[in-house]
Every structure is written in structure tokens, then in C-alpha cells.
Amino acid sequence: MDGYIVNIQRFSIHDGPGIRSTVFLKGCSLHCFWCHNPESIGLKPDLQFYPERCIGCGRCVEACPNGVHAIEDGRRVLRRERCQRCGLCTETCYAQALTLAGRRVSVEEVMEEVRKDSEFYRTSGGGVTLSGGDPCVQPEFSHAILAACHAEGIGTCVETAANCRWEDLAMVLSETDLVLLDVKHMDPIKHREATGVSNERIQANIRRLSELGLPFVPRVPVVPGVNDSPEEIGAIARFVAGLSGAQHLVLLPFHRLGEGKYRSLGLEYRASTLAAPTREHMESLAAEARRYGIEVRVG
């Protein structure tokens, strides 16, 4: 069983309980304009270029068989439309101006990396978290990783937006101990405007998930102009309060730490004018959510 991942981050402490290894998978069915992992949205590898690192050696020009790279009149030219994602240019770029976000790996290759910290998982109550992207875009691969973890006594956690077929989500959940569930908005029209898709299927999947008795943590990225009003956070809190299995609600303040990734991918960063919400505003939204009788934490 093979699949595509971006990377594996060891010693993670924000992606579930204890010390964890987070496997970032490729592929996401949402297109949130503020996404801080844009390199994980597409399923196949993506070429990233950091011009500030480029020393103009021209080795990438020689390595690329498709004419993606060129130096014309002393100016560095990048023709992304010609890229076949072979990665030959990245192998010659010792300045690391060119990198390939994403690689195809086997389940065993993932396990070789995550089992290095098995002792830390045991002593801290941690384990392995599948993130992305969204693990449900590669359900068979995700299920195989989670099953391999359970076979070795490693706890599992999955971060998902639940925008997928129920059959795919159920497959992943069958080997999952805890779900970190992204919730963006309750209004289907506003949800589509912000993420590119409506939320009817998402809400239906969340309701079915809550009936399984599987513990999950709803997490809301609080984005200015999208869902940062008391009314919108209150609507989410009211929805969560009606579910069984929700441990608590987490409000995560928007940040622009991923802005450089958009430039490296040649993409427009539509959230460039937004500012992170203040601590005071986040606490006021948390207070509104607590009115519905649920535990609320600010990330």
C-alpha cells in the first residue's frame, strides 16, 4: 500500500494528546483561502521555489528535461506549466531554492519513521496523528497506516474536515482513537464562499460520527470576516452541544505563517490583508460559545 505524504513531523504536541508524530498527507477536498498548508491540497507532489535562496548556478536548467527552468537576460524564469513533478531539479539544487512538496511512500516507510519514537508515545500517552491535507482523501492508505500503528500498540488520531463519502470516513475511523474535527461555518452558502464546497455532507458525516461513540474534538479556525462574530461562533457551539462524544470545542486564531508557502508555489495568498484576532476577541468568542454549556479552549 503506497500513498502520498508531504512530511512527517516528530515531537508534535498540538495534534492530539502527548508526544506525537504527525504524518501530513497530500490531498484535500476543501480550498480554504487561508489554508496554512497549501502544499498539501493537491494529491500529487508540487514544486516549490524560493527565489531568495537561488544562487543562479544554472544546475536546475541543465537537469530539467522539460524546460521548466531558464535564465534569460540574467533573469531567473520558471515555467510551472511544463513541470512533470519528476524532482530532478530539486536533486541538483544544493541551495535548496527548489524543493518538491510531496512524495510517494509505502506504509512501512511511514512506520519506520514513526516507530522511532515509540517510547515517547508510551510514556506521554501520545501516538501518531494523520493530518494534511485530509487523510480521508486517501482513505485506504490512511486506514493501512492506522491499522499498522494499532498492531504495534501505537495510539492513533486523525485530523479531518469530514468532507468525503461516509464509507471513506468510516474506513478511516475504524482504526482511529481520537478525531480532531475541523468545523468552519454552519451556513452552507458562506461555507462554500470560504472553502469552495457546501457543508451539508460535512454536517451529516459529523452527526453520524457522533453516534459511533468515538471521542472527537471540534476545532474552529477563527478567520476574520468568515466566522469571527459571536453569532457565527455561537451557531457552531450550539451545533456541537447537540452532539455526543465531543470532548470540548477549540477555537484556533487565524495566522499568516503559511504566506511564504503560497509564493513558493506560485499561488495568490488571498488572506494577505487579514490580521490575527486579538486575545481579547478570542476570549470573548469563547465566552459566547460557553453559553451553550460546553467546554471551550482557545488554541
Protein backbone atom coordinates (compact mmCIF):
# COMPACT_ATOMS: atom_id res chain seq x y z
CA MET A 1 0.00 0.00 0.00
CA ASP A 2 1.52 3.29 -1.14
CA GLY A 3 0.33 6.87 -0.83
CA TYR A 4 1.46 10.49 -0.97
CA ILE A 5 2.68 12.46 2.03
CA VAL A 6 4.27 15.89 2.48
CA ASN A 7 6.35 15.08 5.53
CA ILE A 8 6.40 13.51 8.98
CA GLN A 9 6.79 15.87 11.90
CA ARG A 10 8.16 14.28 15.05
CA PHE A 11 7.67 15.54 18.62
CA SER A 12 4.36 17.24 17.86
CA ILE A 13 2.44 18.39 20.92
CA HIS A 14 -0.55 20.19 19.38
CA ASP A 15 -2.04 17.40 17.25
CA GLY A 16 -3.56 15.27 19.96
CA PRO A 17 -2.59 14.12 23.47
CA GLY A 18 1.01 13.51 24.50
CA ILE A 19 4.05 13.50 22.25
CA ARG A 20 3.13 12.54 18.71
CA SER A 21 4.42 12.06 15.20
CA THR A 22 2.20 13.87 12.71
CA VAL A 23 2.02 12.47 9.20
CA PHE A 24 0.95 15.18 6.76
CA LEU A 25 -0.79 13.53 3.82
CA LYS A 26 -1.36 15.05 0.39
CA GLY A 27 -4.82 15.86 -0.87
CA CYS A 28 -7.70 17.98 0.42
CA SER A 29 -11.26 18.35 -0.87
CA LEU A 30 -11.57 21.88 0.54
CA HIS A 31 -9.91 25.03 -0.75
CA CYS A 32 -9.98 27.34 2.26
CA PHE A 33 -8.42 30.62 1.14
CA TRP A 34 -6.50 30.98 4.42
CA CYS A 35 -5.08 27.43 4.41
CA HIS A 36 -1.66 27.35 6.06
CA ASN A 37 -0.66 24.10 4.33
CA PRO A 38 -1.33 24.88 0.64
CA GLU A 39 1.39 22.43 -0.41
CA SER A 40 -0.83 19.61 0.87
CA ILE A 41 -4.01 20.48 -1.09
CA GLY A 42 -3.09 18.72 -4.34
CA LEU A 43 -2.71 14.97 -4.32
CA LYS A 44 0.49 14.83 -6.37
CA PRO A 45 3.84 16.47 -5.50
CA ASP A 46 4.18 20.25 -6.02
CA LEU A 47 7.28 22.22 -6.98
CA GLN A 48 8.23 24.96 -4.53
CA PHE A 49 10.66 27.72 -5.48
CA TYR A 50 12.28 30.12 -3.00
CA PRO A 51 13.96 32.82 -5.12
CA GLU A 52 15.76 34.37 -2.15
CA ARG A 53 17.80 31.17 -1.85
CA CYS A 54 18.68 30.88 -5.53
CA ILE A 55 22.38 31.48 -6.33
CA GLY A 56 21.92 31.37 -10.10
CA CYS A 57 24.18 28.36 -10.69
CA GLY A 58 22.00 27.04 -13.53
CA ARG A 59 22.20 23.40 -12.48
CA CYS A 60 18.40 23.12 -12.49
CA VAL A 61 18.36 24.34 -16.11
CA GLU A 62 20.66 21.50 -17.09
CA ALA A 63 18.78 18.89 -15.05
CA CYS A 64 15.22 19.60 -16.18
CA PRO A 65 14.18 17.69 -19.35
CA ASN A 66 11.05 19.81 -19.84
CA GLY A 67 12.44 23.35 -19.94
CA VAL A 68 10.79 24.40 -16.70
CA HIS A 69 13.84 26.41 -15.65
CA ALA A 70 15.72 29.03 -17.66
CA ILE A 71 17.94 32.05 -17.23
CA GLU A 72 17.04 34.73 -19.76
CA ASP A 73 18.86 38.07 -19.90
CA GLY A 74 20.23 37.35 -16.46
CA ARG A 75 16.74 36.78 -15.05
CA ARG A 76 15.55 33.54 -13.46
CA VAL A 77 12.49 32.16 -15.31
CA LEU A 78 10.20 29.43 -14.02
CA ARG A 79 7.63 27.83 -16.36
CA ARG A 80 5.47 25.88 -13.93
CA GLU A 81 3.03 24.74 -16.62
CA ARG A 82 5.75 22.47 -18.04
CA CYS A 83 6.58 20.78 -14.73
CA GLN A 84 6.07 17.00 -14.63
CA ARG A 85 6.93 16.77 -10.91
CA CYS A 86 9.89 14.49 -11.50
CA GLY A 87 12.03 16.25 -8.88
CA LEU A 88 15.27 16.12 -10.90
CA CYS A 89 15.83 19.85 -10.45
CA THR A 90 15.44 19.63 -6.68
CA GLU A 91 18.10 16.92 -6.50
CA THR A 92 20.66 19.26 -8.09
CA CYS A 93 19.74 22.38 -6.07
CA TYR A 94 22.10 22.27 -3.10
CA ALA A 95 20.98 25.83 -2.16
CA GLN A 96 17.51 24.35 -1.53
CA ALA A 97 15.84 27.03 -3.61
CA LEU A 98 13.85 24.23 -5.23
CA THR A 99 12.02 21.57 -3.25
CA LEU A 100 9.33 19.03 -4.06
CA ALA A 101 6.42 19.09 -1.65
CA GLY A 102 5.17 15.55 -1.54
CA ARG A 103 6.49 12.07 -2.16
CA ARG A 104 5.10 8.61 -2.67
CA VAL A 105 5.86 6.25 0.21
CA SER A 106 4.79 2.87 1.48
CA VAL A 107 3.08 2.18 4.78
CA GLU A 108 6.26 0.51 6.00
CA GLU A 109 8.32 3.60 5.18
CA VAL A 110 5.94 5.66 7.32
CA MET A 111 6.14 3.11 10.12
CA GLU A 112 9.95 3.07 10.02
CA GLU A 113 9.89 6.77 10.84
CA VAL A 114 7.11 6.90 13.44
CA ARG A 115 8.22 3.87 15.43
CA LYS A 116 11.49 5.67 16.25
CA ASP A 117 9.58 7.50 18.99
CA SER A 118 7.53 4.59 20.32
CA GLU A 119 8.98 5.01 23.80
CA PHE A 120 7.86 8.66 23.91
CA TYR A 121 4.35 7.66 22.87
CA ARG A 122 4.15 5.15 25.71
CA THR A 123 5.45 7.47 28.42
CA SER A 124 3.42 10.53 27.36
CA GLY A 125 0.18 8.92 26.21
CA GLY A 126 0.88 10.09 22.67
CA GLY A 127 0.93 8.36 19.31
CA VAL A 128 0.55 9.07 15.62
CA THR A 129 -1.69 11.70 14.07
CA LEU A 130 -2.70 11.77 10.41
CA SER A 131 -3.17 15.30 9.13
CA GLY A 132 -2.74 17.03 5.80
CA GLY A 133 -4.44 17.89 3.59
CA ASP A 134 -7.09 15.48 4.74
CA PRO A 135 -6.43 11.79 5.41
CA CYS A 136 -9.86 10.91 4.02
CA VAL A 137 -8.72 11.85 0.51
CA GLN A 138 -6.51 8.74 0.68
CA PRO A 139 -8.75 6.51 2.83
CA GLU A 140 -7.18 3.12 2.04
CA PHE A 141 -3.65 4.41 2.64
CA SER A 142 -4.68 6.20 5.83
CA HIS A 143 -6.51 3.13 7.12
CA ALA A 144 -3.45 0.97 6.45
CA ILE A 145 -1.17 3.32 8.41
CA LEU A 146 -3.58 3.50 11.34
CA ALA A 147 -4.02 -0.27 11.39
CA ALA A 148 -0.23 -0.74 11.36
CA CYS A 149 0.05 1.65 14.31
CA HIS A 150 -2.57 -0.25 16.30
CA ALA A 151 -0.82 -3.52 15.51
CA GLU A 152 2.24 -2.12 17.28
CA GLY A 153 0.32 -0.65 20.21
CA ILE A 154 0.60 2.97 18.99
CA GLY A 155 -2.37 5.26 19.63
CA THR A 156 -3.94 6.98 16.63
CA CYS A 157 -5.56 10.32 15.89
CA VAL A 158 -6.95 11.78 12.66
CA GLU A 159 -7.48 15.40 11.69
CA THR A 160 -10.25 15.76 9.11
CA ALA A 161 -12.91 18.13 7.77
CA ALA A 162 -15.20 15.13 7.08
CA ASN A 163 -15.93 16.29 3.52
CA CYS A 164 -15.95 12.85 1.93
CA ARG A 165 -18.10 9.80 1.37
CA TRP A 166 -19.27 8.30 4.63
CA GLU A 167 -17.81 4.95 3.55
CA ASP A 168 -14.35 6.51 3.29
CA LEU A 169 -14.66 8.31 6.60
CA ALA A 170 -15.93 5.16 8.33
CA MET A 171 -12.96 3.20 6.96
CA VAL A 172 -10.52 5.68 8.48
CA LEU A 173 -12.43 5.93 11.76
CA SER A 174 -12.38 2.16 12.25
CA GLU A 175 -8.70 2.42 13.28
CA THR A 176 -8.85 5.84 14.96
CA ASP A 177 -8.79 6.54 18.71
CA LEU A 178 -9.47 10.29 18.54
CA VAL A 179 -10.71 12.65 15.83
CA LEU A 180 -9.71 16.30 15.52
CA LEU A 181 -12.64 17.64 13.56
CA ASP A 182 -12.38 20.91 11.63
CA VAL A 183 -15.58 22.98 11.61
CA LYS A 184 -15.55 26.18 9.57
CA HIS A 185 -19.10 27.53 9.34
CA MET A 186 -22.71 26.48 9.82
CA ASP A 187 -24.16 28.45 6.90
CA PRO A 188 -23.87 26.41 3.66
CA ILE A 189 -23.57 29.45 1.40
CA LYS A 190 -20.89 31.16 3.48
CA HIS A 191 -19.14 27.83 3.86
CA ARG A 192 -18.96 27.48 0.07
CA GLU A 193 -17.68 31.03 -0.31
CA ALA A 194 -14.87 30.38 2.17
CA THR A 195 -13.90 26.79 1.33
CA GLY A 196 -15.19 26.08 -2.17
CA VAL A 197 -17.75 23.50 -1.03
CA SER A 198 -21.04 23.48 0.85
CA ASN A 199 -21.31 21.84 4.26
CA GLU A 200 -24.39 19.60 4.03
CA ARG A 201 -22.33 16.42 3.64
CA ILE A 202 -19.90 17.57 6.31
CA GLN A 203 -22.63 18.11 8.88
CA ALA A 204 -24.29 14.81 8.02
CA ASN A 205 -20.98 12.98 8.49
CA ILE A 206 -20.33 14.73 11.78
CA ARG A 207 -23.73 13.65 13.11
CA ARG A 208 -23.08 10.05 12.08
CA LEU A 209 -19.61 10.21 13.61
CA SER A 210 -21.04 11.38 16.92
CA GLU A 211 -23.33 8.35 17.01
CA LEU A 212 -20.34 5.97 16.94
CA GLY A 213 -19.25 6.87 20.46
CA LEU A 214 -15.80 7.78 19.19
CA PRO A 215 -14.25 10.74 21.08
CA PHE A 216 -13.67 13.79 18.93
CA VAL A 217 -12.61 17.40 19.35
CA PRO A 218 -14.27 20.01 17.12
CA ARG A 219 -11.78 22.73 16.20
CA VAL A 220 -12.71 26.05 14.62
CA PRO A 221 -10.17 28.17 12.74
CA VAL A 222 -11.35 31.68 13.62
CA VAL A 223 -10.87 33.71 10.43
CA PRO A 224 -11.64 37.45 10.25
CA GLY A 225 -14.62 38.15 8.03
CA VAL A 226 -15.51 34.46 7.79
CA ASN A 227 -16.61 33.22 11.22
CA ASP A 228 -15.23 35.61 13.83
CA SER A 229 -18.56 37.02 15.03
CA PRO A 230 -20.38 35.95 18.21
CA GLU A 231 -23.35 34.87 16.11
CA GLU A 232 -21.32 32.53 13.91
CA ILE A 233 -19.29 31.03 16.76
CA GLY A 234 -22.50 30.68 18.75
CA ALA A 235 -24.12 28.74 15.91
CA ILE A 236 -21.16 26.34 15.83
CA ALA A 237 -21.25 25.94 19.61
CA ARG A 238 -24.99 25.19 19.51
CA PHE A 239 -24.35 22.50 16.88
CA VAL A 240 -21.52 20.95 18.90
CA ALA A 241 -23.61 20.99 22.10
CA GLY A 242 -26.14 18.72 20.40
CA LEU A 243 -23.54 16.05 19.59
CA SER A 244 -22.42 13.15 21.75
CA GLY A 245 -18.74 12.34 22.02
CA ALA A 246 -17.42 15.89 21.68
CA GLN A 247 -14.76 16.33 24.38
CA HIS A 248 -14.55 20.10 24.09
CA LEU A 249 -14.51 22.88 21.48
CA VAL A 250 -11.25 24.52 20.42
CA LEU A 251 -11.05 27.98 18.86
CA LEU A 252 -7.88 28.45 16.80
CA PRO A 253 -6.91 32.03 15.90
CA PHE A 254 -6.09 32.73 12.26
CA HIS A 255 -2.42 33.35 11.44
CA ARG A 256 -0.40 34.15 8.32
CA LEU A 257 2.55 31.85 8.95
CA GLY A 258 1.91 29.97 5.70
CA GLU A 259 2.06 33.03 3.45
CA GLY A 260 5.55 32.22 2.18
CA LYS A 261 4.39 28.81 1.01
CA TYR A 262 1.95 30.43 -1.42
CA ARG A 263 4.74 32.44 -3.01
CA SER A 264 6.89 29.33 -3.30
CA LEU A 265 4.05 27.56 -5.12
CA GLY A 266 3.27 30.50 -7.39
CA LEU A 267 -0.16 30.94 -5.82
CA GLU A 268 -2.08 34.02 -4.73
CA TYR A 269 -2.50 34.36 -0.97
CA ARG A 270 -5.99 35.77 -0.59
CA ALA A 271 -5.66 36.18 3.19
CA SER A 272 -2.73 38.61 2.99
CA THR A 273 -4.79 41.57 4.25
CA LEU A 274 -6.22 39.78 7.27
CA ALA A 275 -4.85 40.31 10.77
CA ALA A 276 -4.77 37.72 13.52
CA PRO A 277 -7.61 38.18 16.02
CA THR A 278 -6.58 39.61 19.37
CA ARG A 279 -6.50 37.51 22.50
CA GLU A 280 -9.33 39.62 23.91
CA HIS A 281 -11.52 38.93 20.89
CA MET A 282 -10.80 35.21 21.04
CA GLU A 283 -11.74 35.14 24.72
CA SER A 284 -15.00 36.99 24.00
CA LEU A 285 -15.87 34.41 21.34
CA ALA A 286 -15.03 31.61 23.78
CA ALA A 287 -17.33 33.18 26.35
CA GLU A 288 -20.13 33.24 23.77
CA ALA A 289 -19.58 29.56 22.96
CA ARG A 290 -19.62 28.59 26.64
CA ARG A 291 -23.17 29.89 26.90
CA TYR A 292 -24.23 26.61 25.28
CA GLY A 293 -22.91 24.52 28.15
CA ILE A 294 -19.77 23.14 26.52
CA GLU A 295 -16.12 23.33 27.47
CA VAL A 296 -14.24 25.77 25.24
CA ARG A 297 -10.49 26.22 24.84
CA VAL A 298 -8.58 28.89 22.93
CA GLY A 299 -5.66 27.49 20.95
